[in-house]
Amino acid sequence: MTETILAIDIGSTKICAIIAEIENERIQIIGHGIAKSQGVKKGNITNIEQASKSIRKALGDAKRIAGSNISTATVSISNTYAKSIGSSGIVNIPSTNRDISIKEINRVMQTALYNADIPNDYSVLHVLPYNFKVDEQSFIDDPYGMNANRLEVDVNIIVAQKSSISNLQKAIKGAGVEVENIVVSGYASLISTVTEDEKELNVAVIDIGGQTSNLVIHAGSSIKYNDFLGVGSNHITNDLSMALHTPLQVAENVKLRHANLIEPSQEYIDLPIIGDEQNTNSVSLETVYSVVISRVEETLLLLKKSIDNSKLRDQLGAGIVLTGGMTKLKGVRELAQVIFDGMPVRVAFPSKVSGLFNELKDPSFSTVVGLLLYKSGYNTEYEINITHELLHSKSSSDHIIQDSSPQLSDIKLNEVVADTRRDSLEEQTRVTDKNNIGFSLDELSTTSMEENNPFKKFTNWAKQLF
């Protein structure tokens, strides 16, 4: 069966919409649209109407190419809005069968969410488990099916302000689409760029966009730390415009054509003067080099400080993965290796999907491709999403209670057993407290029970006694 999905990345410089089809776990892109971002600054929606207009344009192009009229989308939200809250949960495994099922995993995850101190004006985006503990054994990769008395979990809960989520939903709805999932942009970038080996060794992903930089650290089984920096490649353009006294668009072209981080050039170029574009100035490319490397170095140093503050730096066996528009600067990997004290650094492009248009084979599209992958099931195993649903890859049958009835899944059987136990306890409580509550023995005896039911036997005995 083929499923059509839509991903929309709302960035500070561009808005991208991609439509894809999923068939047999294969993701095929069938349409995309890109529009200049309006009504968005540094990840914040500042004008809902303008943002909706930009989204509508990108979405219209994607629908036209794909020939699809899909109306629900998985959408990114900037790390600007997001912050992390740590929590943990613990549950006992029922004594009838000590095997851990999806039901127990869901219970422990929901318990961790319940235990979290979440401010009233914030909503949960992701509840990400990074450490499961079975009895006394920590760092269990997957507790499903294990035999245990107790299950514990440590989670990283990513939350965002309710007002920010509401504004995002309004902007999307204004473009004629309903929001199905909301994913933090740094998380989406990680999904599309990081390999399983890098996750196993722990890795930091830095997505440097137009006006913002997002940092997420994958440690254990999922994201354990995320941060945001309000600096991006557009700041290089602004710096060049001021230093070279030239218009912003000219400065942007200079950045794209001449900027590099390896060595300065001795050449000179003529640039129009801001406010007097009929005349030109002769500018040394060495000046361009100095401006660019100063801004990039400052940005990377701030991100390095954030990694140091996470207290996870020593655990990053896979080092740093760089993605986003700024990573297209020549020499950024080499400079990053110096800034991050020789840690492994690589520049990553989005992958894991088919049909990537040439325009999308670019690190600045890592987030939107990650949104497609998230919707396709590349989320963190046992994550709780924005709708408080437990996401997992297990089949619907749970090996807890063995039964010869093929028409009921084990999960349903377990729920039936639990309901039966609860009902029995309620019956026992009513009988035991008859003197306090005032139940009539005649009323109790008229309940529909089988003849061998112990409660009916007790009722008959009590009536004879009194």
Protein backbone atom coordinates (compact mmCIF):
# COMPACT_ATOMS: atom_id res chain seq x y z
CA MET A 1 0.00 0.00 0.00
CA THR A 2 1.32 3.44 -0.97
CA GLU A 3 1.09 6.32 1.48
CA THR A 4 1.58 9.96 0.49
CA ILE A 5 3.26 12.24 3.03
CA LEU A 6 4.08 15.94 3.22
CA ALA A 7 6.91 17.66 5.08
CA ILE A 8 7.24 21.42 5.56
CA ASP A 9 10.39 23.05 6.92
CA ILE A 10 9.85 26.62 8.09
CA GLY A 11 13.26 28.25 8.11
CA SER A 12 14.35 31.83 8.63
CA THR A 13 15.55 32.27 5.03
CA LYS A 14 13.50 29.72 3.07
CA ILE A 15 10.42 27.54 3.39
CA CYS A 16 10.54 24.13 1.75
CA ALA A 17 7.70 21.67 1.17
CA ILE A 18 8.32 18.11 -0.04
CA ILE A 19 5.76 15.48 -1.00
CA ALA A 20 6.82 11.84 -1.04
CA GLU A 21 5.35 8.37 -1.36
CA ILE A 22 6.13 5.45 0.95
CA GLU A 23 5.85 1.94 -0.43
CA ASN A 24 7.43 -1.11 1.22
CA GLU A 25 9.47 1.19 3.49
CA ARG A 26 10.96 2.97 0.45
CA ILE A 27 10.58 6.74 0.38
CA GLN A 28 10.28 8.33 -3.06
CA ILE A 29 10.11 12.12 -3.44
CA ILE A 30 7.53 13.13 -6.05
CA GLY A 31 7.34 16.90 -5.64
CA HIS A 32 8.90 19.86 -3.89
CA GLY A 33 8.55 23.61 -3.60
CA ILE A 34 10.79 26.33 -2.17
CA ALA A 35 9.82 29.89 -1.27
CA LYS A 36 11.62 32.81 0.31
CA SER A 37 10.73 32.94 3.97
CA GLN A 38 8.61 35.88 5.09
CA GLY A 39 7.19 36.59 8.51
CA VAL A 40 9.92 34.50 10.18
CA LYS A 41 12.98 35.87 11.96
CA LYS A 42 15.58 33.81 13.79
CA GLY A 43 13.18 30.89 13.91
CA ASN A 44 10.32 32.98 15.33
CA ILE A 45 7.09 33.57 13.43
CA THR A 46 6.69 37.34 13.50
CA ASN A 47 3.84 37.68 10.99
CA ILE A 48 1.35 34.81 10.60
CA GLU A 49 -0.19 36.17 7.39
CA GLN A 50 3.16 36.62 5.62
CA ALA A 51 4.38 33.23 6.83
CA SER A 52 1.21 31.58 5.51
CA LYS A 53 1.75 33.26 2.15
CA SER A 54 5.27 31.84 1.86
CA ILE A 55 4.11 28.39 2.97
CA ARG A 56 1.26 28.50 0.46
CA LYS A 57 3.67 29.28 -2.40
CA ALA A 58 6.09 26.46 -1.52
CA LEU A 59 3.21 24.05 -0.98
CA GLY A 60 1.52 25.03 -4.26
CA ASP A 61 4.69 24.26 -6.26
CA ALA A 62 5.11 20.90 -4.49
CA LYS A 63 1.50 19.88 -5.12
CA ARG A 64 1.71 20.91 -8.77
CA ILE A 65 4.80 18.79 -9.39
CA ALA A 66 3.50 15.81 -7.42
CA GLY A 67 -0.06 15.98 -8.68
CA SER A 68 -1.27 15.48 -5.14
CA ASN A 69 -3.68 17.41 -2.93
CA ILE A 70 -2.48 16.14 0.45
CA SER A 71 -3.87 18.13 3.37
CA THR A 72 -1.85 17.04 6.44
CA ALA A 73 1.81 17.73 7.12
CA THR A 74 4.75 16.99 9.38
CA VAL A 75 6.24 20.37 10.25
CA SER A 76 9.49 21.59 11.77
CA ILE A 77 9.69 23.95 14.70
CA SER A 78 12.84 25.89 15.45
CA ASN A 79 15.01 25.02 18.42
CA THR A 80 14.45 28.66 19.32
CA TYR A 81 11.19 27.61 20.91
CA ALA A 82 12.39 24.37 22.47
CA LYS A 83 13.98 23.50 25.77
CA SER A 84 14.73 20.22 27.52
CA ILE A 85 13.47 18.80 30.79
CA GLY A 86 14.88 15.63 32.31
CA SER A 87 12.70 13.05 34.03
CA SER A 88 12.52 9.37 34.92
CA GLY A 89 9.92 6.70 35.53
CA ILE A 90 9.68 3.31 37.20
CA VAL A 91 7.04 0.57 37.04
CA ASN A 92 6.69 -2.95 38.37
CA ILE A 93 6.10 -5.81 35.95
CA PRO A 94 2.92 -7.85 36.70
CA SER A 95 3.70 -11.08 38.54
CA THR A 96 1.49 -13.18 36.23
CA ASN A 97 4.10 -12.92 33.51
CA ARG A 98 7.39 -11.10 34.01
CA ASP A 99 7.99 -10.42 30.30
CA ILE A 100 8.13 -6.72 29.39
CA SER A 101 5.51 -5.82 26.81
CA ILE A 102 4.64 -2.68 24.89
CA LYS A 103 2.08 -1.98 27.60
CA GLU A 104 4.77 -1.88 30.30
CA ILE A 105 7.05 0.26 28.13
CA ASN A 106 4.20 2.68 27.51
CA ARG A 107 3.42 2.76 31.25
CA VAL A 108 7.00 3.60 32.23
CA MET A 109 7.26 6.28 29.53
CA GLN A 110 3.95 7.85 30.56
CA THR A 111 5.09 7.70 34.20
CA ALA A 112 8.29 9.59 33.32
CA LEU A 113 6.17 12.19 31.52
CA TYR A 114 3.81 12.45 34.50
CA ASN A 115 6.76 12.93 36.88
CA ALA A 116 8.23 15.79 34.85
CA ASP A 117 7.94 19.37 36.07
CA ILE A 118 6.56 20.98 32.90
CA PRO A 119 5.52 24.67 33.09
CA ASN A 120 1.85 25.34 32.41
CA ASP A 121 2.57 27.48 29.34
CA TYR A 122 4.61 24.73 27.64
CA SER A 123 3.52 21.70 25.61
CA VAL A 124 5.39 18.45 25.06
CA LEU A 125 6.90 17.84 21.62
CA HIS A 126 9.02 14.75 22.24
CA VAL A 127 9.60 12.39 25.17
CA LEU A 128 12.85 10.64 24.24
CA PRO A 129 14.17 7.66 26.24
CA TYR A 130 17.96 7.56 26.41
CA ASN A 131 18.43 4.93 29.13
CA PHE A 132 16.30 1.92 29.98
CA LYS A 133 17.07 -0.01 33.15
CA VAL A 134 15.81 -3.56 33.73
CA ASP A 135 16.05 -4.50 37.41
CA GLU A 136 19.65 -3.57 38.25
CA GLN A 137 21.01 -3.52 34.68
CA SER A 138 21.36 -0.10 33.02
CA PHE A 139 21.69 1.02 29.39
CA ILE A 140 19.44 -1.66 27.94
CA ASP A 141 19.13 -1.11 24.19
CA ASP A 142 15.61 -2.54 23.99
CA PRO A 143 13.72 -3.87 27.03
CA TYR A 144 10.93 -5.41 24.93
CA GLY A 145 10.43 -9.10 25.72
CA MET A 146 12.90 -9.16 28.61
CA ASN A 147 12.01 -10.91 31.85
CA ALA A 148 12.13 -8.56 34.83
CA ASN A 149 10.55 -7.43 38.07
CA ARG A 150 11.01 -3.72 37.47
CA LEU A 151 11.47 -1.39 34.50
CA GLU A 152 12.96 2.11 34.71
CA VAL A 153 13.66 4.81 32.13
CA ASP A 154 15.47 8.15 31.92
CA VAL A 155 14.03 10.56 29.36
CA ASN A 156 14.75 13.89 27.74
CA ILE A 157 11.49 15.79 27.30
CA ILE A 158 11.57 18.52 24.63
CA VAL A 159 8.91 21.15 25.19
CA ALA A 160 7.90 24.38 23.48
CA GLN A 161 5.73 27.33 24.44
CA LYS A 162 2.05 26.75 23.71
CA SER A 163 1.75 30.17 22.08
CA SER A 164 4.61 29.38 19.67
CA ILE A 165 3.04 26.07 18.70
CA SER A 166 -0.32 27.75 18.22
CA ASN A 167 1.17 30.44 15.97
CA LEU A 168 2.93 27.78 13.91
CA GLN A 169 -0.31 25.84 13.51
CA LYS A 170 -2.17 29.00 12.48
CA ALA A 171 0.45 29.81 9.83
CA ILE A 172 0.23 26.27 8.42
CA LYS A 173 -3.56 26.23 8.53
CA GLY A 174 -3.61 29.56 6.73
CA ALA A 175 -1.90 27.78 3.84
CA GLY A 176 -4.69 25.19 3.72
CA VAL A 177 -2.93 22.36 5.57
CA GLU A 178 -3.48 20.76 8.98
CA VAL A 179 -0.52 19.96 11.22
CA GLU A 180 -0.16 16.23 11.92
CA ASN A 181 3.27 16.14 13.59
CA ILE A 182 5.65 18.80 14.88
CA VAL A 183 9.35 17.94 15.06
CA VAL A 184 12.19 20.04 16.45
CA SER A 185 14.37 21.02 13.48
CA GLY A 186 17.65 19.85 15.04
CA TYR A 187 16.12 16.41 15.67
CA ALA A 188 14.96 16.21 12.04
CA SER A 189 18.43 17.14 10.77
CA LEU A 190 19.96 14.41 12.91
CA ILE A 191 17.60 11.79 11.47
CA SER A 192 18.59 12.58 7.87
CA THR A 193 22.36 12.87 8.34
CA VAL A 194 23.58 10.52 11.08
CA THR A 195 24.46 6.85 10.60
CA GLU A 196 23.64 4.05 13.03
CA ASP A 197 27.34 3.66 13.88
CA GLU A 198 27.55 7.33 14.81
CA LYS A 199 24.50 7.01 17.04
CA GLU A 200 26.06 3.98 18.70
CA LEU A 201 29.25 5.94 19.44
CA ASN A 202 27.38 9.15 20.43
CA VAL A 203 27.49 12.20 18.17
CA ALA A 204 26.73 15.93 18.10
CA VAL A 205 24.85 17.36 15.11
CA ILE A 206 25.22 21.07 14.32
CA ASP A 207 22.86 22.55 11.73
CA ILE A 208 23.96 26.06 10.79
CA GLY A 209 21.23 27.76 8.80
CA GLY A 210 20.57 31.26 7.57
CA GLN A 211 19.83 33.00 10.86
CA THR A 212 20.10 30.23 13.47
CA SER A 213 22.29 27.31 14.50
CA ASN A 214 20.81 24.20 16.12
CA LEU A 215 22.75 21.72 18.23
CA VAL A 216 21.59 18.28 19.32
CA ILE A 217 23.62 15.56 21.02
CA HIS A 218 22.68 11.91 20.56
CA ALA A 219 23.89 9.92 23.57
CA GLY A 220 22.56 6.58 24.71
CA SER A 221 19.42 5.68 22.78
CA SER A 222 18.32 9.17 21.71
CA ILE A 223 18.82 12.92 21.95
CA LYS A 224 20.06 13.82 25.39
CA TYR A 225 20.82 17.52 24.87
CA ASN A 226 19.69 20.29 22.52
CA ASP A 227 20.54 23.97 22.24
CA PHE A 228 20.02 26.98 19.98
CA LEU A 229 22.21 29.84 18.78
CA GLY A 230 20.76 32.91 17.04
CA VAL A 231 23.62 33.14 14.55
CA GLY A 232 23.78 31.83 10.97
CA SER A 233 25.23 32.38 7.53
CA ASN A 234 23.19 35.56 7.00
CA HIS A 235 25.34 37.21 9.65
CA ILE A 236 28.32 36.73 7.32
CA THR A 237 26.40 38.59 4.63
CA ASN A 238 25.60 41.43 7.03
CA ASP A 239 29.24 41.63 8.15
CA LEU A 240 30.46 41.77 4.53
CA SER A 241 27.92 44.45 3.64
CA MET A 242 29.15 46.67 6.47
CA ALA A 243 32.85 45.95 5.99
CA LEU A 244 32.79 46.41 2.22
CA HIS A 245 30.19 49.23 2.18
CA THR A 246 28.16 47.38 -0.42
CA PRO A 247 24.45 46.38 -0.69
CA LEU A 248 23.29 43.19 1.04
CA GLN A 249 22.53 41.30 -2.18
CA VAL A 250 25.98 42.12 -3.54
CA ALA A 251 27.53 40.98 -0.24
CA GLU A 252 25.58 37.71 -0.51
CA ASN A 253 26.96 37.12 -4.01
CA VAL A 254 30.50 37.85 -2.78
CA LYS A 255 30.02 35.28 -0.01
CA LEU A 256 28.80 32.61 -2.41
CA ARG A 257 31.47 33.20 -5.06
CA HIS A 258 34.59 34.20 -3.17
CA ALA A 259 34.34 33.24 0.51
CA ASN A 260 36.58 30.47 1.78
CA LEU A 261 38.21 29.52 5.07
CA ILE A 262 41.47 28.05 3.81
CA GLU A 263 43.65 30.90 2.55
CA PRO A 264 43.15 34.53 1.53
CA SER A 265 43.47 35.67 -2.06
CA GLN A 266 45.51 38.69 -3.14
CA GLU A 267 43.01 39.59 -5.86
CA TYR A 268 40.81 42.67 -5.93
CA ILE A 269 37.20 42.96 -7.04
CA ASP A 270 35.07 46.00 -7.83
CA LEU A 271 31.85 46.34 -5.85
CA PRO A 272 29.05 48.95 -5.97
CA ILE A 273 28.88 51.34 -3.05
CA ILE A 274 25.84 51.15 -0.80
CA GLY A 275 23.63 54.17 -1.43
CA ASP A 276 25.61 55.07 -4.59
CA GLU A 277 25.48 52.01 -6.78
CA GLN A 278 26.60 53.95 -9.88
CA ASN A 279 30.12 54.05 -8.44
CA THR A 280 32.34 51.16 -7.31
CA ASN A 281 35.05 50.43 -4.79
CA SER A 282 38.02 48.16 -5.32
CA VAL A 283 38.03 45.60 -2.51
CA SER A 284 40.68 43.03 -1.58
CA LEU A 285 39.55 39.41 -1.26
CA GLU A 286 41.87 39.26 1.74
CA THR A 287 39.39 41.55 3.50
CA VAL A 288 36.56 39.19 2.52
CA TYR A 289 38.54 36.27 3.97
CA SER A 290 39.15 38.09 7.27
CA VAL A 291 35.46 38.98 7.69
CA VAL A 292 34.20 35.48 6.87
CA ILE A 293 36.65 33.52 8.99
CA SER A 294 36.08 35.82 12.00
CA ARG A 295 32.32 35.25 11.94
CA VAL A 296 32.54 31.48 11.34
CA GLU A 297 35.18 31.07 14.05
CA GLU A 298 33.02 32.99 16.52
CA THR A 299 29.98 30.84 15.68
CA LEU A 300 31.87 27.58 16.10
CA LEU A 301 33.43 28.73 19.38
CA LEU A 302 29.97 29.49 20.79
CA LEU A 303 28.77 26.04 19.72
CA LYS A 304 31.85 24.46 21.29
CA LYS A 305 31.01 26.23 24.55
CA SER A 306 27.50 24.79 24.42
CA ILE A 307 28.88 21.27 23.91
CA ASP A 308 31.21 21.78 26.87
CA ASN A 309 28.26 22.95 28.99
CA SER A 310 26.35 19.77 28.12
CA LYS A 311 28.90 17.70 30.08
CA LEU A 312 28.71 15.16 27.26
CA ARG A 313 31.76 16.16 25.24
CA ASP A 314 33.89 13.26 26.45
CA GLN A 315 31.20 10.80 25.35
CA LEU A 316 31.17 11.92 21.70
CA GLY A 317 33.00 8.99 20.16
CA ALA A 318 31.73 9.85 16.66
CA GLY A 319 32.58 13.53 17.03
CA ILE A 320 30.73 16.30 15.20
CA VAL A 321 28.42 16.21 12.19
CA LEU A 322 28.00 19.57 10.45
CA THR A 323 25.09 20.35 8.15
CA GLY A 324 23.11 23.40 7.02
CA GLY A 325 23.84 26.19 4.54
CA MET A 326 27.02 27.55 6.17
CA THR A 327 28.76 24.20 5.75
CA LYS A 328 29.06 24.88 2.00
CA LEU A 329 31.91 27.30 2.76
CA LYS A 330 35.20 25.86 1.55
CA GLY A 331 37.38 24.83 4.50
CA VAL A 332 34.64 24.78 7.17
CA ARG A 333 35.43 21.18 8.13
CA GLU A 334 39.13 21.90 8.62
CA LEU A 335 38.42 24.99 10.72
CA ALA A 336 35.88 23.06 12.83
CA GLN A 337 38.44 20.36 13.57
CA VAL A 338 40.78 23.01 14.95
CA ILE A 339 38.00 24.69 16.98
CA PHE A 340 36.78 21.37 18.42
CA ASP A 341 40.28 20.32 19.51
CA GLY A 342 40.84 17.66 16.87
CA MET A 343 37.53 15.83 17.29
CA PRO A 344 36.27 13.92 14.21
CA VAL A 345 34.24 16.30 12.02
CA ARG A 346 32.36 15.62 8.80
CA VAL A 347 30.00 17.66 6.65
CA ALA A 348 26.74 15.78 6.05
CA PHE A 349 24.15 15.88 3.28
CA PRO A 350 20.60 14.55 3.60
CA SER A 351 20.24 10.89 2.64
CA LYS A 352 18.08 7.75 3.08
CA VAL A 353 15.45 8.80 0.50
CA SER A 354 15.05 8.22 -3.23
CA GLY A 355 14.31 10.76 -5.93
CA LEU A 356 16.19 13.68 -4.36
CA PHE A 357 16.07 16.49 -6.91
CA ASN A 358 19.47 18.05 -7.59
CA GLU A 359 18.26 21.18 -5.83
CA LEU A 360 17.66 19.15 -2.66
CA LYS A 361 21.08 17.46 -2.62
CA ASP A 362 22.34 20.16 -0.33
CA PRO A 363 23.06 20.33 3.43
CA SER A 364 20.56 23.18 3.78
CA PHE A 365 17.74 20.66 3.14
CA SER A 366 18.68 18.23 5.90
CA THR A 367 15.77 19.27 8.11
CA VAL A 368 12.98 18.83 5.56
CA VAL A 369 14.29 15.42 4.48
CA GLY A 370 14.49 14.47 8.16
CA LEU A 371 10.81 15.35 8.54
CA LEU A 372 9.94 12.87 5.79
CA LEU A 373 12.00 10.21 7.51
CA TYR A 374 10.40 10.94 10.89
CA LYS A 375 6.95 10.45 9.43
CA SER A 376 8.18 7.25 7.75
CA GLY A 377 9.18 5.64 11.06
CA TYR A 378 12.77 6.81 11.58
CA ASN A 379 11.84 8.29 14.94
CA THR A 380 13.41 7.24 18.24
CA GLU A 381 12.12 3.85 19.35
CA TYR A 382 9.50 4.20 22.14
CA GLU A 383 9.33 7.97 21.76
CA ILE A 384 6.15 9.74 22.87
CA ASN A 385 5.18 12.37 20.30
CA ILE A 386 3.16 15.58 20.47
CA THR A 387 -0.13 13.64 20.59
CA HIS A 388 1.19 11.55 23.53
CA GLU A 389 1.30 8.45 21.32
CA LEU A 390 4.02 5.84 21.90
CA LEU A 391 5.93 5.33 18.64
CA HIS A 392 7.46 1.89 18.14
CA SER A 393 8.25 -0.65 15.45
CA LYS A 394 6.91 -3.73 17.22
CA SER A 395 4.02 -5.76 15.90
CA SER A 396 0.60 -5.39 17.47
CA SER A 397 0.87 -8.77 19.21
CA ASP A 398 2.61 -8.82 22.57
CA HIS A 399 4.10 -12.01 23.92
CA ILE A 400 2.79 -11.72 27.47
CA ILE A 401 -0.05 -14.16 27.78
CA GLN A 402 -0.09 -17.33 25.76
CA ASP A 403 -3.57 -18.21 24.58
CA SER A 404 -5.04 -20.55 22.01
CA SER A 405 -7.53 -17.92 20.79
CA PRO A 406 -6.07 -16.53 17.55
CA GLN A 407 -8.69 -13.82 17.22
CA LEU A 408 -7.37 -11.78 20.17
CA SER A 409 -3.94 -10.20 20.31
CA ASP A 410 -1.96 -10.68 23.47
CA ILE A 411 -2.19 -6.98 24.25
CA LYS A 412 -5.98 -7.19 24.19
CA LEU A 413 -5.89 -10.33 26.29
CA ASN A 414 -3.70 -8.59 28.83
CA GLU A 415 -6.15 -5.70 28.98
CA VAL A 416 -9.02 -8.14 29.52
CA VAL A 417 -7.16 -9.84 32.36
CA ALA A 418 -6.36 -6.48 33.94
CA ASP A 419 -9.98 -5.40 33.68
CA THR A 420 -11.11 -8.70 35.22
CA ARG A 421 -8.74 -8.32 38.16
CA ARG A 422 -9.90 -4.77 38.72
CA ASP A 423 -13.56 -5.82 38.61
CA SER A 424 -12.92 -8.62 41.09
CA LEU A 425 -11.21 -6.25 43.48
CA GLU A 426 -14.13 -3.86 43.23
CA GLU A 427 -16.57 -6.72 44.04
CA GLN A 428 -14.52 -7.79 47.03
CA THR A 429 -14.41 -4.22 48.29
CA ARG A 430 -18.17 -3.83 48.01
CA VAL A 431 -18.80 -7.06 49.92
CA THR A 432 -16.23 -6.40 52.60
CA ASP A 433 -17.56 -2.91 53.26
CA LYS A 434 -21.26 -3.80 53.21
CA ASN A 435 -21.76 -2.60 56.80
CA ASN A 436 -20.24 0.77 56.00
CA ILE A 437 -21.84 1.35 52.61
CA GLY A 438 -25.27 -0.15 53.21
CA PHE A 439 -25.53 -2.58 50.29
CA SER A 440 -28.58 -4.88 50.34
CA LEU A 441 -27.82 -8.60 50.29
CA ASP A 442 -30.86 -9.08 48.11
CA GLU A 443 -29.53 -6.54 45.64
CA LEU A 444 -26.15 -8.22 45.67
CA SER A 445 -27.62 -11.65 45.09
CA THR A 446 -29.51 -10.52 42.01
CA THR A 447 -26.36 -9.76 40.07
CA SER A 448 -25.86 -12.07 37.12
CA MET A 449 -23.19 -14.55 38.27
CA GLU A 450 -22.50 -18.18 37.56
CA GLU A 451 -23.61 -20.68 40.20
CA ASN A 452 -20.05 -21.50 41.17
CA ASN A 453 -19.15 -17.84 41.68
CA PRO A 454 -17.63 -17.43 45.19
CA PHE A 455 -19.40 -14.09 45.72
CA LYS A 456 -22.80 -15.68 45.13
CA LYS A 457 -21.93 -18.52 47.52
CA PHE A 458 -20.96 -15.94 50.14
CA THR A 459 -24.26 -14.10 49.56
CA ASN A 460 -26.34 -17.24 49.99
CA TRP A 461 -24.42 -18.19 53.15
CA ALA A 462 -24.90 -14.68 54.61
CA LYS A 463 -28.64 -14.70 53.89
CA GLN A 464 -29.01 -18.03 55.67
CA LEU A 465 -26.98 -16.74 58.59
CA PHE A 466 -29.11 -13.62 59.10
